[in-house]
Amino acid sequence: MFVVLAFVFLCLLVLYVKYKYFTSHRSIPSLPGHFLFGNLLQSGLLRGVAFPQVYTSFKDQLGDIYEIKLGFLHGIVVGDKDDLQHIFSHRHIYDQGDWMVEILSVVIPDGLITLKGAKFKRHASITMPLFRHGKIRSNFDLIINCTDELLNNWRSSSSDHIHCDILQQCQNLLLEIFGFISFDYDFDTLRGTNNNELTQALRDHIGTVELGFYMPSLLLNAYLKLSPKCRRARTTIKQHLYRMMEQELNETPESRAQRKKTSLIASLVASLQIDEQAEERKSEEERKGLTRREILGEMLMFLIAGFETTSTTLAWAIHLLSKNSGVQQKIKAELMNENGHHDLTLDHFDSLIYLDCVIKEILRFSPPIDSVVRTLTMDDCLPNSGIQLYKGDQIIIPICILSRDPRYWSIDPELFYPERFLVEDKNHNPYVFLPFGSGHRQCIGQDLARFELKVIVARLMQYVTFIDGGPEVNAGGHLQGATIMPKYVGIKIKFDSEI
């Protein structure tokens, strides 16, 4: 009898899962999926295909709006610019995507990116001022010094050496920069040792973020608790971040007040609640400041987000510049005209207009993030397509497809052409170029990321020329991780005195 009941229960469970997670209940275009995996197998994600190729393939078959089922994750992809304007303009209807919150809250709890409602507003009021224009620009010399250290490493290599580890080198550079900017901490990633235990723990932790895109949060949680490697990484990260926090608390009030003007960790620690228990008794709308746990969450979020996306974009920049020698020469000419050969100063920095266009074109041509997700808080209807949406629907905005859609760009979007932002595409539709998202949940660190990229590329172009290492090692391609990284980058580095 027990066996029969167990069998019936199992059958009912399978039917429930099939109905809830793997059955379409809409008239929205979709591809027939597998009984249990939906479109996951046909998407190719499990075979190493990256999301840009997936979105392109599905769009070619289904159009601008379609339903996609990736295992337990169901979403409606929206690629119509007018509908996107509606989505990003109605923050009370379209909030941060539940998928992102569910995935990231497992590995980055209490970070701004995983919060909603009153708690998000409390954290945002504290963290957003940390990225004001003045604070960002104060890091100019620091970024130059770290980039010079990378240049010194390159000088030790032969001019005929093909560098196939550019992605790793970019990660090392940005981790070093962000460590100093945010925490006054030396990750020691540019000296070729890579033995820093926090650096290794952080890399291991980022790997678990990537796993979250392929398994339910319940399984991810179990994996994090059962995996000795993950437990060690989380423990190490917590120990180091709490140590940084305590070190900041041990500073004199005068020192903290001064450091708060430029240091992210000093600003976060300044927001520490004096009486956490008293704040806990208040409603979320009445609470002020952050708890120690919340500061830890923000530190971890900024640490991961602050270097991963920017380092990926820098790797794409080096790859694309190596394929476009003419663009490199134009950057060098602008630097010579404005600043003199090796005199890069903040005073002249804003006059580098062509370099601004290059940074924009890199972000358009190879955005590090493939999409953003929004969740409906109430029923709504998209104005242009007329698609009816319901509370709880997950909306996927494929930013990597919009930036290459020929309908929205005057100059061929498959062409890497920075000059487009000086001429025909200067006034492009704002909802087709979204490397940092849009609306109230767009990336708060985007100004810092753009500033870092511009300073680094300008400094590199003062000294070196990137040369294509050949079609086999410098093929580009997409590597799906927490960001969309270039799969193959192989370049030669020639110092200008050698050319």
Protein backbone atom coordinates (compact mmCIF):
# COMPACT_ATOMS: atom_id res chain seq x y z
CA MET A 1 0.00 0.00 0.00
CA PHE A 2 2.81 2.39 0.92
CA VAL A 3 4.55 1.75 -2.41
CA VAL A 4 1.33 2.51 -4.31
CA LEU A 5 0.80 5.77 -2.40
CA ALA A 6 4.43 6.77 -2.95
CA PHE A 7 4.08 6.06 -6.67
CA VAL A 8 0.87 8.10 -6.91
CA PHE A 9 2.47 10.96 -4.99
CA LEU A 10 5.50 10.92 -7.29
CA CYS A 11 3.27 10.96 -10.38
CA LEU A 12 1.26 13.88 -9.03
CA LEU A 13 4.46 15.73 -8.16
CA VAL A 14 5.82 15.24 -11.68
CA LEU A 15 2.52 16.44 -13.19
CA TYR A 16 2.51 19.49 -10.90
CA VAL A 17 6.11 20.39 -11.78
CA LYS A 18 5.37 19.84 -15.45
CA TYR A 19 2.30 22.10 -15.31
CA LYS A 20 3.85 24.83 -13.16
CA TYR A 21 7.35 25.05 -14.59
CA PHE A 22 7.37 23.43 -18.03
CA THR A 23 4.00 24.26 -19.57
CA SER A 24 3.26 27.48 -21.39
CA HIS A 25 -0.06 29.12 -20.48
CA ARG A 26 0.26 32.08 -22.87
CA SER A 27 -0.29 32.91 -26.51
CA ILE A 28 3.18 34.50 -26.59
CA PRO A 29 5.45 32.92 -29.24
CA SER A 30 7.70 30.17 -27.91
CA LEU A 31 9.55 27.08 -29.07
CA PRO A 32 8.30 23.63 -27.98
CA GLY A 33 10.49 22.51 -25.13
CA HIS A 34 11.60 19.34 -23.41
CA PHE A 35 9.25 17.78 -20.84
CA LEU A 36 11.58 18.68 -17.94
CA PHE A 37 14.23 20.99 -19.36
CA GLY A 38 12.09 23.38 -21.39
CA ASN A 39 14.30 25.13 -23.94
CA LEU A 40 17.50 24.56 -21.95
CA LEU A 41 18.79 21.72 -24.13
CA GLN A 42 17.97 23.34 -27.47
CA SER A 43 19.44 26.66 -26.32
CA GLY A 44 22.90 25.11 -26.20
CA LEU A 45 23.75 26.74 -22.85
CA LEU A 46 24.82 23.40 -21.40
CA ARG A 47 27.18 22.93 -24.37
CA GLY A 48 28.92 26.26 -23.81
CA VAL A 49 26.77 28.50 -26.03
CA ALA A 50 26.56 31.99 -24.54
CA PHE A 51 23.36 33.99 -24.03
CA PRO A 52 23.98 36.43 -26.92
CA GLN A 53 23.84 33.52 -29.39
CA VAL A 54 20.77 32.11 -27.63
CA TYR A 55 18.87 35.41 -27.83
CA THR A 56 19.89 35.88 -31.47
CA SER A 57 18.72 32.39 -32.44
CA PHE A 58 15.37 32.70 -30.66
CA LYS A 59 14.76 36.22 -32.02
CA ASP A 60 15.38 35.02 -35.59
CA GLN A 61 12.73 32.33 -35.10
CA LEU A 62 10.17 34.09 -32.89
CA GLY A 63 10.55 37.86 -33.25
CA ASP A 64 11.04 40.65 -30.70
CA ILE A 65 8.88 39.18 -27.95
CA TYR A 66 8.82 35.52 -26.97
CA GLU A 67 8.68 33.17 -24.02
CA ILE A 68 11.75 31.17 -23.08
CA LYS A 69 11.93 28.30 -20.61
CA LEU A 70 15.36 27.45 -19.23
CA GLY A 71 14.77 24.63 -16.79
CA PHE A 72 12.87 26.05 -13.84
CA LEU A 73 13.36 29.62 -15.07
CA HIS A 74 10.64 31.02 -17.32
CA GLY A 75 10.84 34.49 -18.78
CA ILE A 76 9.37 36.72 -21.45
CA VAL A 77 12.04 38.30 -23.61
CA VAL A 78 11.13 41.82 -24.75
CA GLY A 79 13.23 43.44 -27.48
CA ASP A 80 10.91 46.18 -28.75
CA LYS A 81 12.30 49.67 -28.01
CA ASP A 82 8.90 51.30 -27.40
CA ASP A 83 7.83 48.59 -24.98
CA LEU A 84 11.18 48.91 -23.23
CA GLN A 85 10.65 52.62 -22.74
CA HIS A 86 7.37 51.76 -21.03
CA ILE A 87 9.05 49.13 -18.82
CA PHE A 88 11.89 51.37 -17.67
CA SER A 89 9.59 54.35 -17.15
CA HIS A 90 7.19 52.55 -14.79
CA ARG A 91 9.29 51.65 -11.77
CA HIS A 92 6.24 50.93 -9.62
CA ILE A 93 5.22 48.11 -12.00
CA TYR A 94 8.60 46.73 -13.09
CA ASP A 95 10.98 46.11 -10.19
CA GLN A 96 14.29 44.28 -9.88
CA GLY A 97 13.99 40.78 -11.31
CA ASP A 98 13.11 38.05 -8.82
CA TRP A 99 15.49 35.72 -10.67
CA MET A 100 18.45 37.96 -9.96
CA VAL A 101 17.40 38.43 -6.36
CA GLU A 102 16.93 34.68 -5.87
CA ILE A 103 20.25 33.77 -7.49
CA LEU A 104 22.44 36.52 -6.07
CA SER A 105 21.01 36.62 -2.55
CA VAL A 106 22.44 33.14 -2.00
CA VAL A 107 25.99 34.33 -2.64
CA ILE A 108 25.68 38.11 -2.02
CA PRO A 109 23.17 38.52 0.83
CA ASP A 110 22.24 42.05 1.90
CA GLY A 111 23.79 43.67 -1.16
CA LEU A 112 21.93 46.51 -2.88
CA ILE A 113 21.39 44.45 -6.03
CA THR A 114 19.34 41.84 -4.11
CA LEU A 115 17.10 44.24 -2.19
CA LYS A 116 13.66 45.66 -2.87
CA GLY A 117 11.19 48.06 -1.29
CA ALA A 118 12.01 50.10 1.80
CA LYS A 119 15.20 48.15 2.50
CA PHE A 120 16.49 48.95 -0.98
CA LYS A 121 15.74 52.65 -0.42
CA ARG A 122 17.61 52.63 2.92
CA HIS A 123 20.68 51.00 1.39
CA ALA A 124 20.51 53.18 -1.73
CA SER A 125 20.45 56.39 0.33
CA ILE A 126 23.79 55.33 1.83
CA THR A 127 25.56 53.68 -1.10
CA MET A 128 24.61 55.88 -4.08
CA PRO A 129 26.40 59.00 -2.76
CA LEU A 130 29.60 56.93 -2.68
CA PHE A 131 29.74 57.16 -6.48
CA ARG A 132 29.45 60.89 -6.87
CA HIS A 133 31.48 62.57 -9.58
CA GLY A 134 34.02 64.12 -7.22
CA LYS A 135 34.80 60.89 -5.41
CA ILE A 136 35.28 59.03 -8.67
CA ARG A 137 37.68 61.57 -10.18
CA SER A 138 39.82 61.65 -7.04
CA ASN A 139 41.06 58.16 -7.99
CA PHE A 140 42.73 59.31 -11.22
CA ASP A 141 46.34 59.02 -10.00
CA LEU A 142 45.68 55.68 -8.31
CA ILE A 143 44.35 54.18 -11.56
CA ILE A 144 47.34 55.56 -13.48
CA ASN A 145 49.80 54.05 -10.98
CA CYS A 146 48.20 50.59 -11.13
CA THR A 147 48.12 50.70 -14.94
CA ASP A 148 51.80 51.66 -14.98
CA GLU A 149 52.53 48.55 -12.91
CA LEU A 150 50.82 46.43 -15.57
CA LEU A 151 52.87 48.18 -18.26
CA ASN A 152 56.04 47.35 -16.33
CA ASN A 153 55.02 43.69 -16.33
CA TRP A 154 54.57 43.80 -20.11
CA ARG A 155 58.02 45.31 -20.58
CA SER A 156 59.57 42.13 -19.28
CA SER A 157 58.05 40.11 -22.15
CA SER A 158 59.43 39.78 -25.66
CA SER A 159 57.71 41.89 -28.31
CA ASP A 160 57.01 38.67 -30.22
CA HIS A 161 55.32 37.01 -27.26
CA ILE A 162 51.61 36.35 -27.78
CA HIS A 163 49.67 37.13 -24.61
CA CYS A 164 46.80 34.65 -24.32
CA ASP A 165 45.98 35.49 -20.70
CA ILE A 166 44.69 39.03 -21.27
CA LEU A 167 41.40 38.33 -19.50
CA GLN A 168 43.30 37.20 -16.39
CA GLN A 169 45.59 40.24 -16.57
CA CYS A 170 42.61 42.58 -16.86
CA GLN A 171 40.99 40.94 -13.85
CA ASN A 172 44.21 41.33 -11.88
CA LEU A 173 44.46 45.03 -12.78
CA LEU A 174 40.85 45.87 -11.91
CA LEU A 175 40.93 43.88 -8.69
CA GLU A 176 44.05 45.78 -7.65
CA ILE A 177 42.46 49.13 -8.52
CA PHE A 178 39.14 48.41 -6.85
CA GLY A 179 40.84 47.06 -3.72
CA PHE A 180 42.66 50.36 -3.25
CA ILE A 181 39.70 52.56 -4.23
CA SER A 182 37.19 50.84 -2.01
CA PHE A 183 39.04 49.33 0.92
CA ASP A 184 42.60 50.70 0.92
CA TYR A 185 43.56 47.06 0.46
CA ASP A 186 46.37 45.62 -1.67
CA PHE A 187 45.19 42.46 -3.41
CA ASP A 188 48.75 42.00 -4.69
CA THR A 189 47.53 40.74 -8.08
CA LEU A 190 49.94 42.64 -10.33
CA ARG A 191 53.17 41.18 -9.02
CA GLY A 192 52.70 37.76 -10.54
CA THR A 193 52.22 35.90 -7.27
CA ASN A 194 48.41 35.46 -7.04
CA ASN A 195 48.94 33.87 -3.62
CA ASN A 196 46.72 36.27 -1.74
CA GLU A 197 44.15 34.06 0.02
CA LEU A 198 41.40 36.67 -0.25
CA THR A 199 42.00 36.97 -4.00
CA GLN A 200 41.68 33.22 -4.46
CA ALA A 201 38.63 33.01 -2.20
CA LEU A 202 36.98 35.79 -4.18
CA ARG A 203 37.61 33.98 -7.48
CA ASP A 204 36.13 30.78 -6.03
CA HIS A 205 33.09 32.70 -4.77
CA ILE A 206 32.47 34.30 -8.17
CA GLY A 207 32.47 30.79 -9.62
CA THR A 208 29.49 29.94 -7.41
CA VAL A 209 27.65 33.03 -8.73
CA GLU A 210 27.96 31.55 -12.22
CA LEU A 211 26.50 28.23 -11.00
CA GLY A 212 23.39 30.06 -9.85
CA PHE A 213 22.32 30.68 -13.44
CA TYR A 214 21.95 26.94 -14.05
CA MET A 215 20.36 25.57 -10.88
CA PRO A 216 17.51 26.50 -8.52
CA SER A 217 18.50 28.51 -5.45
CA LEU A 218 17.59 25.56 -3.21
CA LEU A 219 20.19 23.35 -4.88
CA LEU A 220 22.71 26.20 -4.98
CA ASN A 221 22.25 26.76 -1.26
CA ALA A 222 22.81 23.07 -0.60
CA TYR A 223 25.92 23.07 -2.77
CA LEU A 224 27.37 26.08 -0.94
CA LYS A 225 26.82 24.42 2.43
CA LEU A 226 28.16 21.00 1.41
CA SER A 227 31.16 22.07 -0.68
CA PRO A 228 34.30 22.45 1.48
CA LYS A 229 35.81 24.76 -1.15
CA CYS A 230 32.80 27.10 -1.05
CA ARG A 231 32.68 27.09 2.74
CA ARG A 232 36.37 27.96 2.95
CA ALA A 233 35.96 30.76 0.41
CA ARG A 234 33.03 32.32 2.25
CA THR A 235 34.81 32.05 5.61
CA THR A 236 37.97 33.63 4.23
CA ILE A 237 36.07 36.48 2.59
CA LYS A 238 34.11 37.21 5.78
CA GLN A 239 37.24 37.20 7.92
CA HIS A 240 39.05 39.65 5.67
CA LEU A 241 36.09 41.99 5.16
CA TYR A 242 35.30 42.09 8.87
CA ARG A 243 38.99 42.78 9.53
CA MET A 244 38.86 45.72 7.10
CA MET A 245 35.75 46.97 8.86
CA GLU A 246 37.36 46.74 12.31
CA GLN A 247 40.49 48.47 11.03
CA GLU A 248 38.35 51.35 9.83
CA LEU A 249 36.51 51.53 13.16
CA ASN A 250 39.85 51.82 14.94
CA GLU A 251 40.68 55.01 13.06
CA THR A 252 40.22 58.29 14.91
CA PRO A 253 36.94 60.16 14.31
CA GLU A 254 38.92 62.93 12.58
CA SER A 255 40.61 60.45 10.25
CA ARG A 256 37.31 58.70 9.44
CA ALA A 257 35.62 62.03 8.69
CA GLN A 258 38.40 62.89 6.25
CA ARG A 259 38.58 59.44 4.63
CA LYS A 260 34.81 59.37 4.19
CA LYS A 261 35.23 61.89 1.38
CA THR A 262 37.08 59.41 -0.85
CA SER A 263 36.93 55.90 0.65
CA LEU A 264 33.99 53.56 0.08
CA ILE A 265 34.65 51.51 3.21
CA ALA A 266 34.99 54.64 5.34
CA SER A 267 31.62 55.85 4.07
CA LEU A 268 30.00 52.47 4.74
CA VAL A 269 31.43 52.20 8.24
CA ALA A 270 30.24 55.74 8.96
CA SER A 271 26.70 54.45 8.40
CA LEU A 272 27.04 51.69 11.03
CA GLN A 273 24.05 51.59 13.37
CA ILE A 274 24.96 52.53 16.93
CA ASP A 275 22.27 50.29 18.43
CA GLU A 276 21.35 47.47 16.06
CA GLN A 277 18.79 45.97 18.46
CA ALA A 278 16.93 49.28 18.74
CA GLU A 279 16.89 49.66 14.96
CA GLU A 280 15.66 46.08 14.60
CA ARG A 281 12.56 46.93 16.63
CA LYS A 282 11.62 49.70 14.18
CA SER A 283 9.71 49.21 10.96
CA GLU A 284 11.84 49.03 7.82
CA GLU A 285 10.63 52.48 6.75
CA GLU A 286 11.91 53.99 10.03
CA ARG A 287 15.34 52.34 10.15
CA LYS A 288 18.53 54.31 9.56
CA GLY A 289 22.05 53.19 8.80
CA LEU A 290 23.37 49.66 8.21
CA THR A 291 24.10 46.69 10.43
CA ARG A 292 27.50 44.99 10.37
CA ARG A 293 26.00 42.16 8.35
CA GLU A 294 24.57 44.62 5.83
CA ILE A 295 27.87 46.46 5.49
CA LEU A 296 29.54 43.11 4.85
CA GLY A 297 26.97 42.38 2.14
CA GLU A 298 27.54 45.74 0.45
CA MET A 299 31.32 45.30 0.61
CA LEU A 300 31.06 41.89 -1.03
CA MET A 301 28.66 43.12 -3.70
CA PHE A 302 30.81 46.10 -4.63
CA LEU A 303 33.92 43.95 -4.62
CA ILE A 304 32.48 41.40 -7.06
CA ALA A 305 30.53 43.81 -9.27
CA GLY A 306 33.21 46.48 -9.11
CA PHE A 307 35.91 44.54 -10.88
CA GLU A 308 34.23 41.69 -12.78
CA THR A 309 32.26 43.71 -15.33
CA THR A 310 34.95 46.37 -15.86
CA SER A 311 37.74 43.82 -16.30
CA THR A 312 35.61 41.98 -18.87
CA THR A 313 35.02 45.20 -20.80
CA LEU A 314 38.74 46.00 -20.70
CA ALA A 315 39.54 42.56 -22.13
CA TRP A 316 37.04 43.20 -24.94
CA ALA A 317 38.64 46.61 -25.48
CA ILE A 318 42.13 45.13 -25.95
CA HIS A 319 40.77 42.46 -28.29
CA LEU A 320 38.82 44.97 -30.40
CA LEU A 321 41.67 47.49 -30.51
CA SER A 322 44.05 44.76 -31.70
CA LYS A 323 41.67 44.16 -34.60
CA ASN A 324 41.40 47.88 -35.43
CA SER A 325 44.83 49.49 -35.66
CA GLY A 326 43.31 52.64 -37.16
CA VAL A 327 41.28 53.23 -34.01
CA GLN A 328 44.42 52.91 -31.91
CA GLN A 329 46.21 55.49 -34.04
CA LYS A 330 43.32 57.95 -33.70
CA ILE A 331 43.36 57.57 -29.90
CA LYS A 332 47.12 58.18 -29.88
CA ALA A 333 46.75 61.23 -32.10
CA GLU A 334 44.10 62.69 -29.80
CA LEU A 335 46.33 62.08 -26.78
CA MET A 336 49.25 63.81 -28.50
CA ASN A 337 47.12 66.79 -29.50
CA GLU A 338 45.60 67.31 -26.08
CA ASN A 339 48.20 66.25 -23.55
CA GLY A 340 51.62 65.76 -25.01
CA HIS A 341 53.03 62.27 -25.39
CA HIS A 342 53.37 61.11 -21.76
CA ASP A 343 51.62 63.87 -19.85
CA LEU A 344 48.16 62.53 -19.03
CA THR A 345 46.42 64.82 -16.57
CA LEU A 346 42.93 65.08 -15.19
CA ASP A 347 42.69 68.68 -16.45
CA HIS A 348 42.82 67.51 -20.08
CA PHE A 349 40.94 64.28 -19.56
CA ASP A 350 37.46 65.56 -20.45
CA SER A 351 38.69 66.81 -23.84
CA LEU A 352 39.34 63.25 -25.10
CA ILE A 353 36.11 63.10 -27.11
CA TYR A 354 37.16 60.39 -29.55
CA LEU A 355 38.23 58.15 -26.67
CA ASP A 356 34.75 58.61 -25.18
CA CYS A 357 33.32 57.32 -28.47
CA VAL A 358 35.66 54.33 -28.37
CA ILE A 359 34.51 53.40 -24.86
CA LYS A 360 30.87 53.70 -25.93
CA GLU A 361 31.48 51.56 -29.01
CA ILE A 362 33.18 48.84 -26.96
CA LEU A 363 30.20 48.76 -24.60
CA ARG A 364 27.79 48.68 -27.56
CA PHE A 365 29.67 46.10 -29.60
CA SER A 366 30.51 43.76 -26.71
CA PRO A 367 28.48 44.59 -23.59
CA PRO A 368 29.72 42.59 -20.59
CA ILE A 369 26.15 41.91 -19.41
CA ASP A 370 23.83 40.10 -21.82
CA SER A 371 20.51 41.13 -20.26
CA VAL A 372 18.67 42.64 -17.33
CA VAL A 373 15.56 41.23 -15.67
CA ARG A 374 12.47 42.92 -14.27
CA THR A 375 9.54 41.41 -12.35
CA LEU A 376 6.00 42.74 -12.53
CA THR A 377 4.46 43.91 -9.27
CA MET A 378 1.00 44.11 -10.87
CA ASP A 379 -0.73 43.21 -14.15
CA ASP A 380 0.16 45.36 -17.13
CA CYS A 381 -0.09 45.51 -20.91
CA LEU A 382 2.83 46.46 -23.16
CA PRO A 383 1.68 49.48 -25.18
CA ASN A 384 3.32 48.78 -28.56
CA SER A 385 3.02 45.00 -28.89
CA GLY A 386 -0.21 44.70 -26.91
CA ILE A 387 1.14 41.72 -24.93
CA GLN A 388 -0.74 41.16 -21.69
CA LEU A 389 1.53 40.60 -18.69
CA TYR A 390 0.67 39.48 -15.18
CA LYS A 391 1.99 40.06 -11.68
CA GLY A 392 5.07 37.93 -11.10
CA ASP A 393 6.07 37.65 -14.77
CA GLN A 394 9.82 37.77 -15.37
CA ILE A 395 10.77 40.16 -18.17
CA ILE A 396 14.17 39.67 -19.82
CA ILE A 397 15.64 42.63 -21.72
CA PRO A 398 18.36 41.35 -24.12
CA ILE A 399 20.67 44.37 -24.19
CA CYS A 400 23.26 42.45 -26.23
CA ILE A 401 20.72 42.06 -29.08
CA LEU A 402 19.39 45.62 -29.03
CA SER A 403 22.86 47.06 -29.45
CA ARG A 404 23.30 45.05 -32.69
CA ASP A 405 19.79 45.46 -34.15
CA PRO A 406 20.10 47.11 -37.61
CA ARG A 407 16.66 48.70 -37.25
CA TYR A 408 17.92 50.94 -34.49
CA TRP A 409 21.32 52.02 -35.85
CA SER A 410 22.04 54.17 -38.91
CA ILE A 411 25.52 52.72 -39.44
CA ASP A 412 25.92 48.94 -39.76
CA PRO A 413 25.83 47.73 -36.11
CA GLU A 414 28.00 44.72 -36.98
CA LEU A 415 30.81 47.16 -37.76
CA PHE A 416 33.11 48.30 -34.93
CA TYR A 417 33.07 52.01 -35.69
CA PRO A 418 33.52 54.50 -32.80
CA GLU A 419 32.87 57.44 -35.13
CA ARG A 420 29.19 56.46 -35.21
CA PHE A 421 28.76 58.35 -31.93
CA LEU A 422 30.04 61.54 -33.59
CA VAL A 423 27.73 61.40 -36.60
CA GLU A 424 24.59 59.44 -37.58
CA ASP A 425 24.24 57.39 -34.40
CA LYS A 426 25.05 60.24 -32.01
CA ASN A 427 21.35 60.64 -31.19
CA HIS A 428 20.49 56.94 -31.00
CA ASN A 429 17.41 55.79 -29.12
CA PRO A 430 18.41 55.55 -25.42
CA TYR A 431 16.55 52.25 -24.99
CA VAL A 432 18.69 50.33 -27.49
CA PHE A 433 22.03 51.10 -25.82
CA LEU A 434 21.79 49.78 -22.26
CA PRO A 435 25.18 48.41 -21.12
CA PHE A 436 24.36 49.35 -17.51
CA GLY A 437 20.59 48.86 -17.66
CA SER A 438 18.15 51.74 -17.26
CA GLY A 439 15.55 53.08 -14.88
CA HIS A 440 15.76 53.11 -11.11
CA ARG A 441 17.67 49.78 -10.93
CA GLN A 442 20.45 50.64 -13.35
CA CYS A 443 24.03 50.05 -12.24
CA ILE A 444 25.04 52.66 -9.64
CA GLY A 445 28.73 52.14 -10.39
CA GLN A 446 28.54 52.91 -14.10
CA ASP A 447 30.27 56.30 -13.86
CA LEU A 448 33.19 54.71 -12.00
CA ALA A 449 33.39 51.90 -14.58
CA ARG A 450 33.46 54.36 -17.50
CA PHE A 451 36.04 56.51 -15.74
CA GLU A 452 38.30 53.52 -14.99
CA LEU A 453 38.07 52.28 -18.58
CA LYS A 454 38.84 55.68 -20.06
CA VAL A 455 41.86 56.27 -17.81
CA ILE A 456 43.26 52.77 -18.36
CA VAL A 457 42.82 52.77 -22.14
CA ALA A 458 44.29 56.29 -22.41
CA ARG A 459 47.33 55.28 -20.36
CA LEU A 460 47.88 52.08 -22.33
CA MET A 461 47.59 53.89 -25.66
CA GLN A 462 50.28 56.35 -24.56
CA TYR A 463 52.82 53.55 -24.48
CA VAL A 464 51.76 50.46 -26.43
CA THR A 465 50.10 49.23 -29.58
CA PHE A 466 48.10 46.00 -29.52
CA ILE A 467 48.73 43.70 -32.47
CA ASP A 468 46.45 40.87 -33.57
CA GLY A 469 48.01 37.55 -32.60
CA GLY A 470 46.26 35.69 -35.41
CA PRO A 471 42.86 34.12 -36.15
CA GLU A 472 43.43 31.02 -34.02
CA VAL A 473 44.36 32.74 -30.75
CA ASN A 474 42.53 36.07 -31.19
CA ALA A 475 39.17 34.86 -32.48
CA GLY A 476 37.08 36.55 -29.78
CA GLY A 477 33.93 34.48 -29.30
CA HIS A 478 31.80 34.42 -26.17
CA LEU A 479 32.53 32.72 -22.87
CA GLN A 480 29.48 32.62 -20.61
CA GLY A 481 30.20 33.33 -16.97
CA ALA A 482 28.93 35.94 -14.53
CA THR A 483 29.68 38.26 -17.47
CA ILE A 484 30.03 37.67 -21.22
CA MET A 485 33.79 37.38 -21.59
CA PRO A 486 35.87 37.05 -24.75
CA LYS A 487 36.73 33.37 -25.23
CA TYR A 488 39.93 33.82 -27.23
CA VAL A 489 42.18 36.87 -26.88
CA GLY A 490 45.74 36.49 -28.13
CA ILE A 491 47.69 39.66 -28.84
CA LYS A 492 51.23 40.96 -29.16
CA ILE A 493 52.18 44.08 -27.23
CA LYS A 494 54.55 46.47 -28.92
CA PHE A 495 55.89 49.45 -26.99
CA ASP A 496 55.78 52.44 -29.31
CA SER A 497 59.54 52.97 -29.24
CA GLU A 498 59.84 49.47 -30.77
CA ILE A 499 57.49 50.13 -33.70
